Amino acid sequence: MKTKNLNHFIYSISNLRNAIKDNALFHNYISQETKTFQTSLNPSIAHSLKHKAITMNDQNSLRTYLIIDKSDLEIMGYFFLKIVNIKLEKDVSGKTKKEKSRLMLKRMENFKHY
């Protein structure tokens, strides 16, 4: 396996789109750079980056962050953050709020990640 010293920065999809300014150029860059992403452990991860990241970012359901090499602008990696909003009614007790928070944390611990 070839190793490479990273001199990188991290951009969200939204920030990258704003930096490039030209929508067609932005989509072309993402398309070209993600063509090489493959993973034998879970092909759906690479598929999500290639085909869903921009749409889900625009729908505010995920935030995608790209790790980009400063020297050649190659995408070296990425990660997603899932956005979850929880709204509790005003009259919900503090005990119930704590219980809901604990349940959410327990679910997140069981959430499949790679």
C-alpha atoms as a PDB file:
ATOM      1  CA  MET A   1       0.000   0.000   0.000  1.00  0.00           C
ATOM      2  CA  LYS A   2       1.324   3.411  -0.978  1.00  0.00           C
ATOM      3  CA  THR A   3       1.478   5.933   1.854  1.00  0.00           C
ATOM      4  CA  LYS A   4       1.319   9.655   1.445  1.00  0.00           C
ATOM      5  CA  ASN A   5       2.030  12.497   3.838  1.00  0.00           C
ATOM      6  CA  LEU A   6      -1.089  14.557   4.087  1.00  0.00           C
ATOM      7  CA  ASN A   7      -1.044  18.295   3.732  1.00  0.00           C
ATOM      8  CA  HIS A   8      -4.774  18.725   3.684  1.00  0.00           C
ATOM      9  CA  PHE A   9      -7.752  20.805   4.596  1.00  0.00           C
ATOM     10  CA  ILE A  10     -11.354  19.854   5.299  1.00  0.00           C
ATOM     11  CA  TYR A  11     -14.226  21.420   3.379  1.00  0.00           C
ATOM     12  CA  SER A  12     -17.924  20.829   3.755  1.00  0.00           C
ATOM     13  CA  ILE A  13     -19.752  20.294   0.467  1.00  0.00           C
ATOM     14  CA  SER A  14     -21.489  23.662   1.009  1.00  0.00           C
ATOM     15  CA  ASN A  15     -18.228  25.528   1.620  1.00  0.00           C
ATOM     16  CA  LEU A  16     -16.587  23.889  -1.377  1.00  0.00           C
ATOM     17  CA  ARG A  17     -19.520  24.846  -3.603  1.00  0.00           C
ATOM     18  CA  ASN A  18     -19.252  28.455  -2.380  1.00  0.00           C
ATOM     19  CA  ALA A  19     -15.478  28.506  -2.952  1.00  0.00           C
ATOM     20  CA  ILE A  20     -15.741  27.189  -6.524  1.00  0.00           C
ATOM     21  CA  LYS A  21     -18.700  29.504  -7.323  1.00  0.00           C
ATOM     22  CA  ASP A  22     -19.411  27.852 -10.704  1.00  0.00           C
ATOM     23  CA  ASN A  23     -22.034  25.109 -10.181  1.00  0.00           C
ATOM     24  CA  ALA A  24     -21.063  23.118 -13.295  1.00  0.00           C
ATOM     25  CA  LEU A  25     -17.379  23.237 -12.336  1.00  0.00           C
ATOM     26  CA  PHE A  26     -18.252  22.156  -8.780  1.00  0.00           C
ATOM     27  CA  HIS A  27     -20.259  19.134  -9.992  1.00  0.00           C
ATOM     28  CA  ASN A  28     -17.538  18.222 -12.478  1.00  0.00           C
ATOM     29  CA  TYR A  29     -14.875  18.380  -9.748  1.00  0.00           C
ATOM     30  CA  ILE A  30     -16.908  16.159  -7.391  1.00  0.00           C
ATOM     31  CA  SER A  31     -17.699  13.711 -10.193  1.00  0.00           C
ATOM     32  CA  GLN A  32     -14.082  13.428 -11.360  1.00  0.00           C
ATOM     33  CA  GLU A  33     -12.579  13.187  -7.882  1.00  0.00           C
ATOM     34  CA  THR A  34     -15.019  10.583  -6.541  1.00  0.00           C
ATOM     35  CA  LYS A  35     -14.636   8.200  -9.506  1.00  0.00           C
ATOM     36  CA  THR A  36     -11.687   6.506  -7.811  1.00  0.00           C
ATOM     37  CA  PHE A  37     -13.375   5.908  -4.453  1.00  0.00           C
ATOM     38  CA  GLN A  38     -13.849   2.177  -3.872  1.00  0.00           C
ATOM     39  CA  THR A  39     -14.179   0.026  -0.799  1.00  0.00           C
ATOM     40  CA  SER A  40     -14.451  -3.730  -0.778  1.00  0.00           C
ATOM     41  CA  LEU A  41     -15.738  -3.787   2.805  1.00  0.00           C
ATOM     42  CA  ASN A  42     -18.840  -1.765   2.060  1.00  0.00           C
ATOM     43  CA  PRO A  43     -19.413  -0.560  -1.512  1.00  0.00           C
ATOM     44  CA  SER A  44     -22.483   1.426  -0.412  1.00  0.00           C
ATOM     45  CA  ILE A  45     -20.204   3.918   1.366  1.00  0.00           C
ATOM     46  CA  ALA A  46     -18.467   4.887  -1.881  1.00  0.00           C
ATOM     47  CA  HIS A  47     -21.825   4.852  -3.680  1.00  0.00           C
ATOM     48  CA  SER A  48     -23.240   7.307  -1.126  1.00  0.00           C
ATOM     49  CA  LEU A  49     -20.396   9.744  -1.711  1.00  0.00           C
ATOM     50  CA  LYS A  50     -20.653   9.472  -5.485  1.00  0.00           C
ATOM     51  CA  HIS A  51     -24.423   9.589  -5.867  1.00  0.00           C
ATOM     52  CA  LYS A  52     -26.100  10.909  -2.713  1.00  0.00           C
ATOM     53  CA  ALA A  53     -23.812  13.289  -0.827  1.00  0.00           C
ATOM     54  CA  ILE A  54     -24.745  16.486  -2.670  1.00  0.00           C
ATOM     55  CA  THR A  55     -28.484  15.761  -2.680  1.00  0.00           C
ATOM     56  CA  MET A  56     -28.582  14.814   0.992  1.00  0.00           C
ATOM     57  CA  ASN A  57     -26.493  17.865   1.848  1.00  0.00           C
ATOM     58  CA  ASP A  58     -28.937  20.090  -0.042  1.00  0.00           C
ATOM     59  CA  GLN A  59     -31.850  18.439   1.803  1.00  0.00           C
ATOM     60  CA  ASN A  60     -30.144  19.171   5.145  1.00  0.00           C
ATOM     61  CA  SER A  61     -30.217  15.514   6.157  1.00  0.00           C
ATOM     62  CA  LEU A  62     -26.433  14.947   6.060  1.00  0.00           C
ATOM     63  CA  ARG A  63     -23.350  17.101   6.084  1.00  0.00           C
ATOM     64  CA  THR A  64     -20.514  15.750   3.982  1.00  0.00           C
ATOM     65  CA  TYR A  65     -16.969  16.855   4.701  1.00  0.00           C
ATOM     66  CA  LEU A  66     -14.190  16.225   2.204  1.00  0.00           C
ATOM     67  CA  ILE A  67     -10.526  15.878   3.136  1.00  0.00           C
ATOM     68  CA  ILE A  68      -8.665  17.492   0.242  1.00  0.00           C
ATOM     69  CA  ASP A  69      -4.918  17.390  -0.422  1.00  0.00           C
ATOM     70  CA  LYS A  70      -3.611  20.952  -0.748  1.00  0.00           C
ATOM     71  CA  SER A  71      -0.927  20.066  -3.281  1.00  0.00           C
ATOM     72  CA  ASP A  72      -3.104  18.521  -6.000  1.00  0.00           C
ATOM     73  CA  LEU A  73      -6.706  19.079  -4.775  1.00  0.00           C
ATOM     74  CA  GLU A  74      -7.300  15.317  -4.701  1.00  0.00           C
ATOM     75  CA  ILE A  75     -10.064  14.144  -2.355  1.00  0.00           C
ATOM     76  CA  MET A  76      -8.249  11.934   0.154  1.00  0.00           C
ATOM     77  CA  GLY A  77     -11.231  10.959   2.283  1.00  0.00           C
ATOM     78  CA  TYR A  78     -14.543  12.102   3.592  1.00  0.00           C
ATOM     79  CA  PHE A  79     -16.996  11.741   6.435  1.00  0.00           C
ATOM     80  CA  PHE A  80     -20.705  12.313   6.892  1.00  0.00           C
ATOM     81  CA  LEU A  81     -22.476  13.847   9.859  1.00  0.00           C
ATOM     82  CA  LYS A  82     -26.149  13.011  10.269  1.00  0.00           C
ATOM     83  CA  ILE A  83     -28.339  15.927  11.272  1.00  0.00           C
ATOM     84  CA  VAL A  84     -31.045  15.087  13.782  1.00  0.00           C
ATOM     85  CA  ASN A  85     -33.431  17.598  15.290  1.00  0.00           C
ATOM     86  CA  ILE A  86     -35.381  16.710  18.381  1.00  0.00           C
ATOM     87  CA  LYS A  87     -38.209  18.993  19.404  1.00  0.00           C
ATOM     88  CA  LEU A  88     -39.828  18.523  22.772  1.00  0.00           C
ATOM     89  CA  GLU A  89     -42.960  20.333  23.814  1.00  0.00           C
ATOM     90  CA  LYS A  90     -42.649  23.124  26.368  1.00  0.00           C
ATOM     91  CA  ASP A  91     -44.481  21.242  29.091  1.00  0.00           C
ATOM     92  CA  VAL A  92     -42.241  18.146  28.959  1.00  0.00           C
ATOM     93  CA  SER A  93     -40.622  17.513  32.344  1.00  0.00           C
ATOM     94  CA  GLY A  94     -36.878  17.588  32.900  1.00  0.00           C
ATOM     95  CA  LYS A  95     -36.997  13.885  33.771  1.00  0.00           C
ATOM     96  CA  THR A  96     -38.614  13.053  30.411  1.00  0.00           C
ATOM     97  CA  LYS A  97     -36.055  15.184  28.549  1.00  0.00           C
ATOM     98  CA  LYS A  98     -33.189  13.319  30.244  1.00  0.00           C
ATOM     99  CA  GLU A  99     -34.832   9.984  29.467  1.00  0.00           C
ATOM    100  CA  LYS A 100     -35.263  10.910  25.787  1.00  0.00           C
ATOM    101  CA  SER A 101     -31.634  12.058  25.623  1.00  0.00           C
ATOM    102  CA  ARG A 102     -30.433   8.773  27.127  1.00  0.00           C
ATOM    103  CA  LEU A 103     -32.528   6.775  24.652  1.00  0.00           C
ATOM    104  CA  MET A 104     -31.115   8.772  21.740  1.00  0.00           C
ATOM    105  CA  LEU A 105     -27.541   8.204  22.940  1.00  0.00           C
ATOM    106  CA  LYS A 106     -28.216   4.481  23.306  1.00  0.00           C
ATOM    107  CA  ARG A 107     -29.571   4.330  19.739  1.00  0.00           C
ATOM    108  CA  MET A 108     -26.529   6.214  18.451  1.00  0.00           C
ATOM    109  CA  GLU A 109     -24.200   3.729  20.187  1.00  0.00           C
ATOM    110  CA  ASN A 110     -25.933   0.909  18.320  1.00  0.00           C
ATOM    111  CA  PHE A 111     -25.856   2.792  15.009  1.00  0.00           C
ATOM    112  CA  LYS A 112     -23.775   0.977  12.414  1.00  0.00           C
ATOM    113  CA  HIS A 113     -20.640   2.900  11.461  1.00  0.00           C
ATOM    114  CA  TYR A 114     -17.549   2.210   9.414  1.00  0.00           C
END
